[in-house]
């Protein structure tokens, strides 16, 4: 059974065809998937308050139904280290067409992965995992499984990646927290099974995986037309 708040978010998002990032991250958080501390700041005072309470540096992103691919329009600013830089960034991002506010969040570090799901006409929900970040289309290093998936499936998917050695420890680097990755993928699989035809696809990219945790850096949920 889907949480009532998730159903409300999906309903209010339907008219523009996708779920804005703060709402997408709220859905993930309600589903047991780790996201960084964040706020949707509608005023500069709200943005500054978040940074003061959580500490610098912070990341800022435009939140607008007109901007699906934020990095392509310079709608994401990393490593903001003081009030002046945050104020300048906030006012620039708030000037984008249709801006509902600015997402301000704590930065996350780790190996960049992609986790995604698509509702296939024949097979139903299909889960994807692979190398992520802005080079995802260059790497094309992914594994697929039909939902639902188990922790054993997740480890098998990880092993099937060409870059799997990066995740299991390479040249003295610590391996990522595979238990955290398994928990995230299983929770994600459960979520997409419950959502089913209420969404057309979900992309979590990047997901930052480190020896300590796996955290969703960006999230996009597309809705059926």
N, C-alpha and C. Protein backbone atom coordinates (compact mmCIF):
# COMPACT_ATOMS: atom_id res chain seq x y z
N UNK A 1 0.85 -1.19 0.00
CA UNK A 1 0.00 0.00 0.00
C UNK A 1 0.88 1.25 0.00
N UNK A 2 0.66 2.14 -0.95
CA UNK A 2 1.45 3.35 -1.04
C UNK A 2 1.06 4.33 0.06
N UNK A 3 2.07 4.98 0.62
CA UNK A 3 1.85 6.04 1.60
C UNK A 3 0.96 7.13 1.00
N UNK A 4 0.05 7.70 1.81
CA UNK A 4 -0.87 8.73 1.34
C UNK A 4 -0.12 9.97 0.84
N UNK A 5 0.99 10.29 1.48
CA UNK A 5 1.77 11.46 1.05
C UNK A 5 2.38 11.22 -0.33
N UNK A 6 2.82 9.99 -0.60
CA UNK A 6 3.36 9.67 -1.93
C UNK A 6 2.28 9.83 -2.98
N UNK A 7 1.08 9.34 -2.71
CA UNK A 7 -0.02 9.47 -3.66
C UNK A 7 -0.36 10.94 -3.91
N UNK A 8 -0.29 11.74 -2.87
CA UNK A 8 -0.57 13.18 -3.02
C UNK A 8 0.48 13.85 -3.89
N UNK A 9 1.75 13.50 -3.69
CA UNK A 9 2.83 14.06 -4.51
C UNK A 9 2.63 13.70 -5.97
N UNK A 10 2.32 12.44 -6.24
CA UNK A 10 2.11 12.00 -7.62
C UNK A 10 0.94 12.73 -8.25
N UNK A 11 -0.11 12.93 -7.50
CA UNK A 11 -1.30 13.60 -8.02
C UNK A 11 -1.01 15.04 -8.40
N UNK A 12 -0.31 15.77 -7.54
CA UNK A 12 -0.05 17.18 -7.82
C UNK A 12 1.01 17.36 -8.92
N UNK A 13 1.79 16.31 -9.19
CA UNK A 13 2.84 16.38 -10.21
C UNK A 13 2.34 16.01 -11.60
N UNK A 14 1.17 15.42 -11.67
CA UNK A 14 0.71 14.83 -12.92
C UNK A 14 0.57 15.85 -14.05
N UNK A 15 0.19 17.09 -13.71
CA UNK A 15 -0.09 18.05 -14.78
C UNK A 15 1.17 18.49 -15.52
N UNK A 16 2.37 18.38 -14.91
CA UNK A 16 3.57 18.69 -15.68
C UNK A 16 4.39 17.46 -16.04
N UNK A 17 3.90 16.26 -15.72
CA UNK A 17 4.46 15.05 -16.29
C UNK A 17 5.66 14.44 -15.59
N UNK A 18 6.16 15.10 -14.54
CA UNK A 18 7.27 14.53 -13.80
C UNK A 18 7.29 15.11 -12.39
N UNK A 19 8.03 14.45 -11.52
CA UNK A 19 8.07 14.85 -10.11
C UNK A 19 9.33 15.67 -9.86
N UNK A 20 9.14 16.89 -9.37
CA UNK A 20 10.29 17.75 -9.08
C UNK A 20 11.19 17.10 -8.03
N UNK A 21 12.48 17.44 -8.09
CA UNK A 21 13.46 16.73 -7.27
C UNK A 21 13.16 16.72 -5.77
N UNK A 22 12.77 17.85 -5.16
CA UNK A 22 12.48 17.77 -3.71
C UNK A 22 11.36 16.77 -3.40
N UNK A 23 10.33 16.73 -4.25
CA UNK A 23 9.25 15.78 -4.03
C UNK A 23 9.70 14.35 -4.32
N UNK A 24 10.54 14.17 -5.34
CA UNK A 24 11.07 12.83 -5.65
C UNK A 24 11.90 12.31 -4.47
N UNK A 25 12.70 13.17 -3.89
CA UNK A 25 13.53 12.75 -2.75
C UNK A 25 12.67 12.49 -1.52
N UNK A 26 11.56 13.19 -1.40
CA UNK A 26 10.65 12.91 -0.29
C UNK A 26 10.04 11.52 -0.47
N UNK A 27 9.64 11.18 -1.69
CA UNK A 27 9.11 9.84 -1.96
C UNK A 27 10.15 8.77 -1.61
N UNK A 28 11.39 9.00 -2.01
CA UNK A 28 12.46 8.03 -1.72
C UNK A 28 12.67 7.89 -0.22
N UNK A 29 12.71 9.02 0.48
CA UNK A 29 12.92 8.99 1.92
C UNK A 29 11.81 8.24 2.62
N UNK A 30 10.57 8.46 2.20
CA UNK A 30 9.44 7.75 2.79
C UNK A 30 9.50 6.25 2.52
N UNK A 31 10.27 5.88 1.48
CA UNK A 31 10.38 4.48 1.08
C UNK A 31 11.63 3.80 1.65
N UNK A 32 12.34 4.49 2.54
CA UNK A 32 13.51 3.90 3.18
C UNK A 32 14.79 4.00 2.37
N UNK A 33 14.83 4.93 1.42
CA UNK A 33 16.01 5.13 0.57
C UNK A 33 16.71 6.40 1.02
N UNK A 34 18.01 6.31 1.26
CA UNK A 34 18.76 7.41 1.87
C UNK A 34 19.00 8.56 0.89
N UNK A 35 18.65 9.76 1.33
CA UNK A 35 18.92 10.99 0.58
C UNK A 35 19.67 11.94 1.50
N UNK A 36 20.38 12.94 0.96
CA UNK A 36 21.09 13.87 1.82
C UNK A 36 20.12 14.82 2.51
N UNK A 37 20.54 15.45 3.61
CA UNK A 37 19.73 16.52 4.20
C UNK A 37 19.52 17.63 3.16
N UNK A 38 18.27 18.10 3.00
CA UNK A 38 17.99 19.12 2.00
C UNK A 38 16.79 19.95 2.41
N UNK A 39 16.62 21.08 1.73
CA UNK A 39 15.43 21.89 1.89
C UNK A 39 15.07 22.52 0.55
N UNK A 40 13.80 22.78 0.34
CA UNK A 40 13.36 23.59 -0.80
C UNK A 40 13.22 25.00 -0.30
N UNK A 41 14.19 25.84 -0.63
CA UNK A 41 14.21 27.22 -0.17
C UNK A 41 13.48 28.12 -1.17
N UNK A 42 12.45 28.79 -0.69
CA UNK A 42 11.72 29.73 -1.54
C UNK A 42 12.18 31.16 -1.32
N UNK A 43 12.94 31.38 -0.26
CA UNK A 43 13.53 32.70 0.00
C UNK A 43 15.01 32.52 0.33
N UNK A 44 15.76 33.59 0.19
CA UNK A 44 17.19 33.52 0.50
C UNK A 44 17.39 33.25 1.99
N UNK A 45 16.47 33.75 2.80
CA UNK A 45 16.58 33.53 4.25
C UNK A 45 16.48 32.03 4.57
N UNK A 46 15.59 31.32 3.88
CA UNK A 46 15.47 29.88 4.10
C UNK A 46 16.72 29.14 3.66
N UNK A 47 17.32 29.57 2.55
CA UNK A 47 18.55 28.95 2.07
C UNK A 47 19.69 29.15 3.06
N UNK A 48 19.83 30.38 3.54
CA UNK A 48 20.90 30.69 4.48
C UNK A 48 20.71 29.97 5.81
N UNK A 49 19.46 29.86 6.25
CA UNK A 49 19.19 29.17 7.51
C UNK A 49 19.60 27.70 7.42
N UNK A 50 19.28 27.05 6.28
CA UNK A 50 19.68 25.65 6.11
C UNK A 50 21.20 25.51 6.18
N UNK A 51 21.92 26.40 5.48
CA UNK A 51 23.38 26.32 5.47
C UNK A 51 23.96 26.56 6.85
N UNK A 52 23.37 27.49 7.60
CA UNK A 52 23.87 27.79 8.94
C UNK A 52 23.63 26.60 9.87
N UNK A 53 22.49 25.93 9.72
CA UNK A 53 22.17 24.82 10.61
C UNK A 53 22.93 23.53 10.25
N UNK A 54 23.24 23.36 8.96
CA UNK A 54 23.86 22.12 8.51
C UNK A 54 25.33 22.28 8.14
N UNK A 55 25.79 23.54 8.02
CA UNK A 55 27.18 23.80 7.73
C UNK A 55 27.49 23.88 6.24
N UNK A 56 28.51 24.65 5.90
CA UNK A 56 29.02 24.71 4.52
C UNK A 56 30.07 23.62 4.35
N UNK A 57 30.34 23.19 3.10
CA UNK A 57 29.73 23.63 1.85
C UNK A 57 28.34 23.03 1.64
N UNK A 58 27.60 23.65 0.70
CA UNK A 58 26.30 23.13 0.30
C UNK A 58 26.23 23.08 -1.23
N UNK A 59 25.22 22.37 -1.71
CA UNK A 59 24.92 22.29 -3.14
C UNK A 59 23.59 22.97 -3.38
N UNK A 60 23.45 23.69 -4.50
CA UNK A 60 22.18 24.32 -4.85
C UNK A 60 21.75 23.89 -6.24
N UNK A 61 20.42 23.69 -6.40
CA UNK A 61 19.87 23.27 -7.70
C UNK A 61 18.57 24.03 -7.96
N UNK A 62 18.36 24.38 -9.23
CA UNK A 62 17.10 25.00 -9.60
C UNK A 62 15.98 23.97 -9.49
N UNK A 63 14.82 24.42 -9.04
CA UNK A 63 13.63 23.57 -8.98
C UNK A 63 12.56 24.22 -9.84
N UNK A 64 12.35 23.68 -11.04
CA UNK A 64 11.39 24.25 -11.97
C UNK A 64 10.82 23.14 -12.85
N UNK A 65 9.51 23.12 -13.07
CA UNK A 65 8.95 22.13 -14.00
C UNK A 65 9.40 22.35 -15.43
N UNK A 66 10.01 23.52 -15.71
CA UNK A 66 10.52 23.80 -17.05
C UNK A 66 11.92 23.25 -17.27
N UNK A 67 12.58 22.80 -16.19
CA UNK A 67 13.98 22.36 -16.27
C UNK A 67 14.09 20.91 -15.82
N UNK A 68 14.10 19.99 -16.78
CA UNK A 68 14.24 18.57 -16.45
C UNK A 68 15.70 18.19 -16.28
N UNK A 69 16.56 18.65 -17.21
CA UNK A 69 17.99 18.33 -17.18
C UNK A 69 18.76 19.54 -16.66
N UNK A 70 18.95 19.58 -15.36
CA UNK A 70 19.50 20.77 -14.71
C UNK A 70 20.95 21.07 -15.10
N UNK A 71 21.77 20.01 -15.23
CA UNK A 71 23.19 20.25 -15.50
C UNK A 71 23.40 20.87 -16.88
N UNK A 72 22.49 20.61 -17.81
CA UNK A 72 22.66 21.13 -19.17
C UNK A 72 22.44 22.63 -19.26
N UNK A 73 21.77 23.20 -18.26
CA UNK A 73 21.51 24.65 -18.28
C UNK A 73 22.19 25.35 -17.11
N UNK A 74 23.21 24.69 -16.55
CA UNK A 74 23.96 25.23 -15.41
C UNK A 74 23.03 25.51 -14.23
N UNK A 75 22.12 24.57 -14.02
CA UNK A 75 21.17 24.70 -12.93
C UNK A 75 21.59 24.00 -11.66
N UNK A 76 22.85 23.52 -11.62
CA UNK A 76 23.39 22.87 -10.43
C UNK A 76 24.71 23.55 -10.07
N UNK A 77 24.85 23.95 -8.82
CA UNK A 77 26.08 24.60 -8.35
C UNK A 77 26.61 23.83 -7.14
N UNK A 78 27.84 23.35 -7.25
CA UNK A 78 28.46 22.55 -6.20
C UNK A 78 29.40 23.41 -5.34
N UNK A 79 29.73 22.90 -4.18
CA UNK A 79 30.81 23.44 -3.33
C UNK A 79 30.62 24.94 -3.01
N UNK A 80 29.42 25.29 -2.59
CA UNK A 80 29.15 26.66 -2.15
C UNK A 80 29.62 26.79 -0.71
N UNK A 81 30.57 27.71 -0.45
CA UNK A 81 31.29 27.69 0.82
C UNK A 81 31.01 28.85 1.76
N UNK A 82 30.19 29.82 1.34
CA UNK A 82 29.91 30.94 2.24
C UNK A 82 28.59 31.61 1.88
N UNK A 83 28.16 32.55 2.73
CA UNK A 83 26.86 33.22 2.55
C UNK A 83 26.79 33.99 1.24
N UNK A 84 27.86 34.68 0.91
CA UNK A 84 27.85 35.51 -0.30
C UNK A 84 27.66 34.65 -1.55
N UNK A 85 28.38 33.53 -1.61
CA UNK A 85 28.27 32.65 -2.77
C UNK A 85 26.88 32.01 -2.83
N UNK A 86 26.32 31.66 -1.68
CA UNK A 86 24.98 31.06 -1.65
C UNK A 86 23.93 32.07 -2.09
N UNK A 87 24.07 33.32 -1.64
CA UNK A 87 23.10 34.36 -2.02
C UNK A 87 23.15 34.62 -3.52
N UNK A 88 24.35 34.71 -4.07
CA UNK A 88 24.50 34.94 -5.51
C UNK A 88 23.89 33.78 -6.31
N UNK A 89 24.19 32.56 -5.88
CA UNK A 89 23.67 31.38 -6.56
C UNK A 89 22.15 31.31 -6.46
N UNK A 90 21.63 31.57 -5.27
CA UNK A 90 20.18 31.51 -5.07
C UNK A 90 19.46 32.44 -6.03
N UNK A 91 19.89 33.69 -6.11
CA UNK A 91 19.20 34.66 -6.95
C UNK A 91 19.29 34.30 -8.43
N UNK A 92 20.42 33.71 -8.86
CA UNK A 92 20.55 33.30 -10.27
C UNK A 92 19.60 32.14 -10.57
N UNK A 93 19.58 31.13 -9.70
CA UNK A 93 18.73 29.97 -9.95
C UNK A 93 17.25 30.32 -9.83
N UNK A 94 16.92 31.23 -8.93
CA UNK A 94 15.52 31.62 -8.74
C UNK A 94 14.98 32.37 -9.96
N UNK A 95 15.89 32.87 -10.84
CA UNK A 95 15.46 33.63 -12.02
C UNK A 95 15.10 32.72 -13.20
N UNK A 96 15.32 31.41 -13.07
CA UNK A 96 14.97 30.49 -14.16
C UNK A 96 13.46 30.50 -14.39
N UNK A 97 13.06 30.25 -15.63
CA UNK A 97 11.64 30.18 -15.96
C UNK A 97 10.94 29.14 -15.10
N UNK A 98 9.83 29.54 -14.49
CA UNK A 98 9.01 28.61 -13.73
C UNK A 98 9.58 28.18 -12.40
N UNK A 99 10.65 28.81 -11.93
CA UNK A 99 11.32 28.37 -10.70
C UNK A 99 10.37 28.38 -9.51
N UNK A 100 10.29 27.24 -8.82
CA UNK A 100 9.46 27.12 -7.62
C UNK A 100 10.27 27.40 -6.35
N UNK A 101 11.59 27.49 -6.53
CA UNK A 101 12.49 27.68 -5.42
C UNK A 101 13.84 27.09 -5.77
N UNK A 102 14.68 26.96 -4.76
CA UNK A 102 16.02 26.41 -4.94
C UNK A 102 16.23 25.29 -3.92
N UNK A 103 16.65 24.12 -4.41
CA UNK A 103 16.97 23.02 -3.52
C UNK A 103 18.38 23.25 -2.97
N UNK A 104 18.51 23.26 -1.66
CA UNK A 104 19.81 23.40 -1.01
C UNK A 104 20.04 22.14 -0.19
N UNK A 105 21.19 21.51 -0.39
CA UNK A 105 21.44 20.25 0.30
C UNK A 105 22.92 20.07 0.63
N UNK A 106 23.18 19.11 1.49
CA UNK A 106 24.54 18.78 1.84
C UNK A 106 25.18 17.94 0.73
N UNK A 107 26.44 18.20 0.40
CA UNK A 107 27.11 17.40 -0.63
C UNK A 107 27.38 15.98 -0.14
N UNK A 108 27.50 15.06 -1.11
CA UNK A 108 27.77 13.66 -0.81
C UNK A 108 28.96 13.22 -1.65
N UNK A 109 29.76 12.33 -1.09
CA UNK A 109 30.92 11.83 -1.81
C UNK A 109 30.86 10.31 -1.94
N UNK A 110 31.55 9.81 -2.95
CA UNK A 110 31.61 8.38 -3.18
C UNK A 110 31.70 8.08 -4.67
N UNK A 111 31.75 6.81 -5.02
CA UNK A 111 31.73 6.40 -6.42
C UNK A 111 30.33 6.65 -6.97
N UNK A 112 30.27 7.23 -8.17
CA UNK A 112 28.97 7.57 -8.74
C UNK A 112 28.36 6.38 -9.47
N UNK A 113 27.15 6.02 -9.04
CA UNK A 113 26.41 4.94 -9.68
C UNK A 113 25.09 5.49 -10.21
N UNK A 114 24.43 4.69 -11.03
CA UNK A 114 23.07 4.99 -11.46
C UNK A 114 22.18 3.83 -11.06
N UNK A 115 21.01 4.15 -10.55
CA UNK A 115 19.98 3.16 -10.26
C UNK A 115 18.72 3.66 -10.95
N UNK A 116 18.07 2.80 -11.69
CA UNK A 116 16.89 3.24 -12.42
C UNK A 116 15.87 2.13 -12.55
N UNK A 117 14.69 2.53 -13.00
CA UNK A 117 13.63 1.56 -13.24
C UNK A 117 12.75 2.07 -14.37
N UNK A 118 12.25 1.15 -15.16
CA UNK A 118 11.33 1.49 -16.23
C UNK A 118 10.23 0.44 -16.26
N UNK A 119 9.01 0.88 -16.56
CA UNK A 119 7.90 -0.05 -16.65
C UNK A 119 7.83 -0.56 -18.09
N UNK A 120 8.25 -1.80 -18.27
CA UNK A 120 8.24 -2.41 -19.60
C UNK A 120 6.84 -2.95 -19.91
N UNK A 121 6.39 -2.73 -21.14
CA UNK A 121 5.04 -3.14 -21.54
C UNK A 121 4.83 -4.64 -21.37
N UNK A 122 5.86 -5.43 -21.66
CA UNK A 122 5.74 -6.89 -21.59
C UNK A 122 6.13 -7.46 -20.23
N UNK A 123 7.24 -6.94 -19.67
CA UNK A 123 7.82 -7.57 -18.49
C UNK A 123 7.51 -6.87 -17.18
N UNK A 124 6.92 -5.68 -17.24
CA UNK A 124 6.65 -4.94 -16.01
C UNK A 124 7.88 -4.17 -15.56
N UNK A 125 8.03 -3.92 -14.25
CA UNK A 125 9.14 -3.11 -13.75
C UNK A 125 10.49 -3.80 -13.96
N UNK A 126 11.42 -3.08 -14.57
CA UNK A 126 12.78 -3.57 -14.79
C UNK A 126 13.74 -2.64 -14.07
N UNK A 127 14.66 -3.21 -13.29
CA UNK A 127 15.62 -2.44 -12.48
C UNK A 127 16.97 -2.40 -13.19
N UNK A 128 17.58 -1.22 -13.19
CA UNK A 128 18.90 -1.01 -13.78
C UNK A 128 19.86 -0.51 -12.71
N UNK A 129 21.11 -0.99 -12.78
CA UNK A 129 22.17 -0.48 -11.92
C UNK A 129 23.45 -0.42 -12.73
N UNK A 130 24.26 0.61 -12.52
CA UNK A 130 25.51 0.69 -13.25
C UNK A 130 26.36 1.88 -12.86
N UNK A 131 27.38 2.12 -13.67
CA UNK A 131 28.22 3.29 -13.48
C UNK A 131 27.41 4.54 -13.80
N UNK A 132 27.48 5.54 -12.93
CA UNK A 132 26.64 6.72 -13.08
C UNK A 132 27.42 7.99 -13.30
N UNK A 133 26.75 9.11 -13.01
CA UNK A 133 27.34 10.42 -13.22
C UNK A 133 27.04 10.95 -14.60
N UNK A 134 27.71 12.04 -14.98
CA UNK A 134 27.46 12.66 -16.27
C UNK A 134 27.96 11.80 -17.42
N UNK A 135 28.84 10.82 -17.15
CA UNK A 135 29.38 9.97 -18.22
C UNK A 135 28.63 8.67 -18.40
N UNK A 136 27.40 8.59 -17.86
CA UNK A 136 26.68 7.32 -17.89
C UNK A 136 26.47 6.82 -19.32
N UNK A 137 26.23 7.75 -20.26
CA UNK A 137 26.00 7.33 -21.65
C UNK A 137 27.30 6.93 -22.34
N UNK A 138 28.42 7.35 -21.77
CA UNK A 138 29.72 6.95 -22.32
C UNK A 138 30.11 5.57 -21.78
N UNK A 139 29.93 5.37 -20.47
CA UNK A 139 30.29 4.09 -19.86
C UNK A 139 29.44 2.95 -20.42
N UNK A 140 28.14 3.17 -20.46
CA UNK A 140 27.19 2.12 -20.88
C UNK A 140 27.49 0.80 -20.18
N UNK A 141 27.75 0.91 -18.88
CA UNK A 141 28.12 -0.25 -18.07
C UNK A 141 27.01 -0.46 -17.05
N UNK A 142 26.03 -1.30 -17.40
CA UNK A 142 24.86 -1.49 -16.56
C UNK A 142 24.46 -2.96 -16.47
N UNK A 143 23.69 -3.28 -15.43
CA UNK A 143 23.08 -4.60 -15.27
C UNK A 143 21.58 -4.40 -15.12
N UNK A 144 20.80 -5.36 -15.63
CA UNK A 144 19.35 -5.28 -15.58
C UNK A 144 18.77 -6.51 -14.88
N UNK A 145 17.69 -6.30 -14.14
CA UNK A 145 16.93 -7.41 -13.57
C UNK A 145 15.46 -7.02 -13.54
N UNK A 146 14.61 -8.02 -13.66
CA UNK A 146 13.17 -7.78 -13.47
C UNK A 146 12.88 -7.70 -11.98
N UNK A 147 12.03 -6.76 -11.61
CA UNK A 147 11.62 -6.65 -10.21
C UNK A 147 10.58 -7.72 -9.89
N UNK A 148 10.52 -8.17 -8.63
CA UNK A 148 11.31 -7.72 -7.49
C UNK A 148 12.69 -8.37 -7.47
N UNK A 149 13.63 -7.71 -6.77
CA UNK A 149 14.98 -8.25 -6.67
C UNK A 149 15.34 -8.48 -5.21
N UNK A 150 16.30 -9.36 -4.99
CA UNK A 150 16.78 -9.73 -3.66
C UNK A 150 18.20 -9.19 -3.46
N UNK A 151 18.72 -9.23 -2.23
CA UNK A 151 20.12 -8.85 -2.02
C UNK A 151 21.08 -9.68 -2.88
N UNK A 152 20.76 -10.94 -3.09
CA UNK A 152 21.60 -11.80 -3.94
C UNK A 152 21.60 -11.30 -5.38
N UNK A 153 20.44 -10.84 -5.84
CA UNK A 153 20.36 -10.26 -7.18
C UNK A 153 21.25 -9.03 -7.29
N UNK A 154 21.24 -8.19 -6.26
CA UNK A 154 22.03 -6.95 -6.27
C UNK A 154 23.52 -7.28 -6.40
N UNK A 155 23.99 -8.25 -5.62
CA UNK A 155 25.40 -8.62 -5.67
C UNK A 155 25.75 -9.22 -7.03
N UNK A 156 24.84 -9.96 -7.61
CA UNK A 156 25.05 -10.51 -8.95
C UNK A 156 25.11 -9.39 -9.99
N UNK A 157 24.24 -8.39 -9.87
CA UNK A 157 24.26 -7.25 -10.78
C UNK A 157 25.59 -6.49 -10.67
N UNK A 158 26.04 -6.31 -9.43
CA UNK A 158 27.30 -5.60 -9.20
C UNK A 158 28.46 -6.36 -9.83
N UNK A 159 28.46 -7.67 -9.66
CA UNK A 159 29.53 -8.50 -10.21
C UNK A 159 29.52 -8.49 -11.73
N UNK A 160 28.35 -8.25 -12.32
CA UNK A 160 28.23 -8.24 -13.77
C UNK A 160 28.71 -6.96 -14.44
N UNK A 161 29.04 -5.94 -13.66
CA UNK A 161 29.54 -4.69 -14.24
C UNK A 161 31.01 -4.82 -14.61
N UNK A 162 31.38 -4.20 -15.73
CA UNK A 162 32.79 -4.20 -16.13
C UNK A 162 33.65 -3.52 -15.06
N UNK A 163 33.07 -2.52 -14.40
CA UNK A 163 33.82 -1.73 -13.41
C UNK A 163 33.63 -2.25 -11.99
N UNK A 164 33.23 -3.53 -11.85
CA UNK A 164 32.89 -4.02 -10.51
C UNK A 164 34.06 -3.93 -9.54
N UNK A 165 35.28 -3.99 -10.03
CA UNK A 165 36.45 -3.94 -9.13
C UNK A 165 36.56 -2.59 -8.44
N UNK A 166 36.00 -1.53 -9.06
CA UNK A 166 36.01 -0.22 -8.41
C UNK A 166 35.16 -0.23 -7.14
N UNK A 167 34.15 -1.09 -7.12
CA UNK A 167 33.23 -1.12 -5.99
C UNK A 167 33.68 -2.10 -4.91
N UNK A 168 34.51 -3.05 -5.27
CA UNK A 168 34.91 -4.09 -4.32
C UNK A 168 36.32 -3.89 -3.78
N UNK A 169 36.91 -2.74 -4.11
CA UNK A 169 38.25 -2.43 -3.62
C UNK A 169 39.26 -2.56 -4.73
N UNK A 170 39.89 -1.45 -5.13
CA UNK A 170 40.81 -1.46 -6.26
C UNK A 170 42.04 -0.65 -5.91
N UNK A 171 43.21 -1.27 -6.05
CA UNK A 171 44.49 -0.61 -5.76
C UNK A 171 44.50 0.03 -4.37
N UNK A 172 44.05 -0.72 -3.39
CA UNK A 172 44.12 -0.26 -2.01
C UNK A 172 42.94 0.55 -1.54
N UNK A 173 42.03 0.89 -2.45
CA UNK A 173 40.84 1.65 -2.04
C UNK A 173 39.90 0.76 -1.26
N UNK A 174 39.16 1.36 -0.32
CA UNK A 174 38.17 0.59 0.44
C UNK A 174 36.98 0.25 -0.45
N UNK A 175 36.42 -0.93 -0.29
CA UNK A 175 35.22 -1.27 -1.05
C UNK A 175 34.02 -0.46 -0.58
N UNK A 176 33.02 -0.32 -1.43
CA UNK A 176 31.81 0.36 -1.03
C UNK A 176 31.04 -0.50 -0.02
N UNK A 177 30.11 0.11 0.65
CA UNK A 177 29.27 -0.60 1.60
C UNK A 177 28.21 -1.39 0.82
N UNK A 178 28.50 -2.64 0.55
CA UNK A 178 27.60 -3.45 -0.26
C UNK A 178 26.28 -3.73 0.44
N UNK A 179 26.30 -3.79 1.77
CA UNK A 179 25.05 -3.97 2.50
C UNK A 179 24.12 -2.78 2.29
N UNK A 180 24.69 -1.56 2.31
CA UNK A 180 23.89 -0.36 2.09
C UNK A 180 23.34 -0.34 0.67
N UNK A 181 24.16 -0.78 -0.30
CA UNK A 181 23.70 -0.83 -1.68
C UNK A 181 22.55 -1.85 -1.82
N UNK A 182 22.70 -2.99 -1.18
CA UNK A 182 21.63 -4.01 -1.24
C UNK A 182 20.35 -3.48 -0.64
N UNK A 183 20.45 -2.82 0.51
CA UNK A 183 19.25 -2.27 1.16
C UNK A 183 18.57 -1.25 0.24
N UNK A 184 19.38 -0.40 -0.39
CA UNK A 184 18.81 0.62 -1.28
C UNK A 184 18.11 -0.01 -2.47
N UNK A 185 18.76 -0.99 -3.12
CA UNK A 185 18.17 -1.60 -4.31
C UNK A 185 16.91 -2.39 -3.98
N UNK A 186 16.91 -3.09 -2.86
CA UNK A 186 15.73 -3.86 -2.47
C UNK A 186 14.57 -2.91 -2.14
N UNK A 187 14.86 -1.81 -1.42
CA UNK A 187 13.82 -0.81 -1.12
C UNK A 187 13.31 -0.16 -2.40
N UNK A 188 14.24 0.12 -3.32
CA UNK A 188 13.87 0.73 -4.60
C UNK A 188 12.99 -0.22 -5.41
N UNK A 189 13.35 -1.50 -5.41
CA UNK A 189 12.56 -2.51 -6.11
C UNK A 189 11.15 -2.58 -5.52
N UNK A 190 11.06 -2.55 -4.20
CA UNK A 190 9.75 -2.58 -3.54
C UNK A 190 8.92 -1.36 -3.93
N UNK A 191 9.58 -0.19 -3.97
CA UNK A 191 8.88 1.05 -4.34
C UNK A 191 8.34 0.97 -5.76
N UNK A 192 9.16 0.54 -6.70
CA UNK A 192 8.72 0.52 -8.11
C UNK A 192 7.62 -0.52 -8.30
N UNK A 193 7.64 -1.60 -7.54
CA UNK A 193 6.56 -2.58 -7.63
C UNK A 193 5.24 -1.99 -7.14
N UNK A 194 5.30 -1.16 -6.09
CA UNK A 194 4.08 -0.53 -5.59
C UNK A 194 3.59 0.57 -6.53
N UNK A 195 4.53 1.32 -7.09
CA UNK A 195 4.15 2.41 -8.00
C UNK A 195 3.59 1.86 -9.31
N UNK A 196 4.23 0.84 -9.84
CA UNK A 196 3.81 0.15 -11.07
C UNK A 196 3.47 1.16 -12.16
N UNK A 197 2.25 1.15 -12.66
CA UNK A 197 1.90 1.99 -13.81
C UNK A 197 1.63 3.45 -13.45
N UNK A 198 1.79 3.80 -12.18
CA UNK A 198 1.64 5.21 -11.79
C UNK A 198 2.83 6.05 -12.24
N UNK A 199 3.95 5.39 -12.60
CA UNK A 199 5.12 6.10 -13.12
C UNK A 199 5.56 5.41 -14.41
N UNK A 200 6.33 6.11 -15.23
CA UNK A 200 6.88 5.49 -16.43
C UNK A 200 8.35 5.12 -16.24
N UNK A 201 9.08 5.93 -15.45
CA UNK A 201 10.48 5.61 -15.18
C UNK A 201 10.97 6.39 -13.96
N UNK A 202 12.01 5.87 -13.34
CA UNK A 202 12.70 6.57 -12.25
C UNK A 202 14.19 6.48 -12.51
N UNK A 203 14.88 7.62 -12.39
CA UNK A 203 16.34 7.65 -12.52
C UNK A 203 16.94 8.27 -11.26
N UNK A 204 17.79 7.52 -10.61
CA UNK A 204 18.58 8.03 -9.49
C UNK A 204 20.02 8.11 -9.98
N UNK A 205 20.47 9.33 -10.27
CA UNK A 205 21.80 9.50 -10.87
C UNK A 205 22.32 10.91 -10.61
N UNK A 206 23.43 11.01 -9.86
CA UNK A 206 24.21 9.89 -9.32
C UNK A 206 23.70 9.42 -7.97
N UNK A 207 24.02 8.17 -7.69
CA UNK A 207 23.95 7.62 -6.34
C UNK A 207 25.39 7.49 -5.87
N UNK A 208 25.72 8.12 -4.77
CA UNK A 208 27.10 8.12 -4.27
C UNK A 208 27.29 6.98 -3.28
N UNK A 209 28.15 6.02 -3.62
CA UNK A 209 28.42 4.88 -2.76
C UNK A 209 29.84 4.96 -2.22
N UNK A 210 29.97 4.86 -0.92
CA UNK A 210 31.26 4.95 -0.23
C UNK A 210 31.38 3.76 0.72
N UNK A 211 32.49 3.64 1.44
CA UNK A 211 32.59 2.57 2.43
C UNK A 211 31.56 2.69 3.55
N UNK A 212 31.02 3.90 3.73
CA UNK A 212 30.07 4.12 4.82
C UNK A 212 28.61 3.95 4.39
N UNK A 213 28.26 4.41 3.19
CA UNK A 213 26.84 4.47 2.85
C UNK A 213 26.63 4.57 1.34
N UNK A 214 25.36 4.51 0.94
CA UNK A 214 24.94 4.83 -0.42
C UNK A 214 23.81 5.86 -0.31
N UNK A 215 23.99 7.00 -0.98
CA UNK A 215 23.07 8.14 -0.84
C UNK A 215 22.69 8.64 -2.23
N UNK A 216 21.42 8.94 -2.43
CA UNK A 216 20.93 9.43 -3.72
C UNK A 216 21.28 10.91 -3.88
N UNK A 217 22.09 11.23 -4.89
CA UNK A 217 22.44 12.62 -5.14
C UNK A 217 21.40 13.37 -5.94
N UNK A 218 20.78 12.72 -6.92
CA UNK A 218 19.76 13.36 -7.76
C UNK A 218 18.71 12.31 -8.12
N UNK A 219 17.49 12.78 -8.29
CA UNK A 219 16.38 11.85 -8.56
C UNK A 219 15.39 12.48 -9.51
N UNK A 220 14.93 11.68 -10.47
CA UNK A 220 13.89 12.15 -11.41
C UNK A 220 12.88 11.04 -11.60
N UNK A 221 11.62 11.37 -11.40
CA UNK A 221 10.52 10.42 -11.59
C UNK A 221 9.64 10.95 -12.71
N UNK A 222 9.54 10.18 -13.80
CA UNK A 222 8.71 10.56 -14.94
C UNK A 222 7.37 9.85 -14.84
N UNK A 223 6.30 10.57 -15.19
CA UNK A 223 4.94 10.05 -15.08
C UNK A 223 4.39 9.74 -16.47
N UNK A 224 3.49 8.78 -16.55
CA UNK A 224 2.92 8.43 -17.86
C UNK A 224 2.06 9.58 -18.39
N UNK A 225 2.05 9.72 -19.70
CA UNK A 225 1.27 10.80 -20.33
C UNK A 225 -0.20 10.41 -20.41
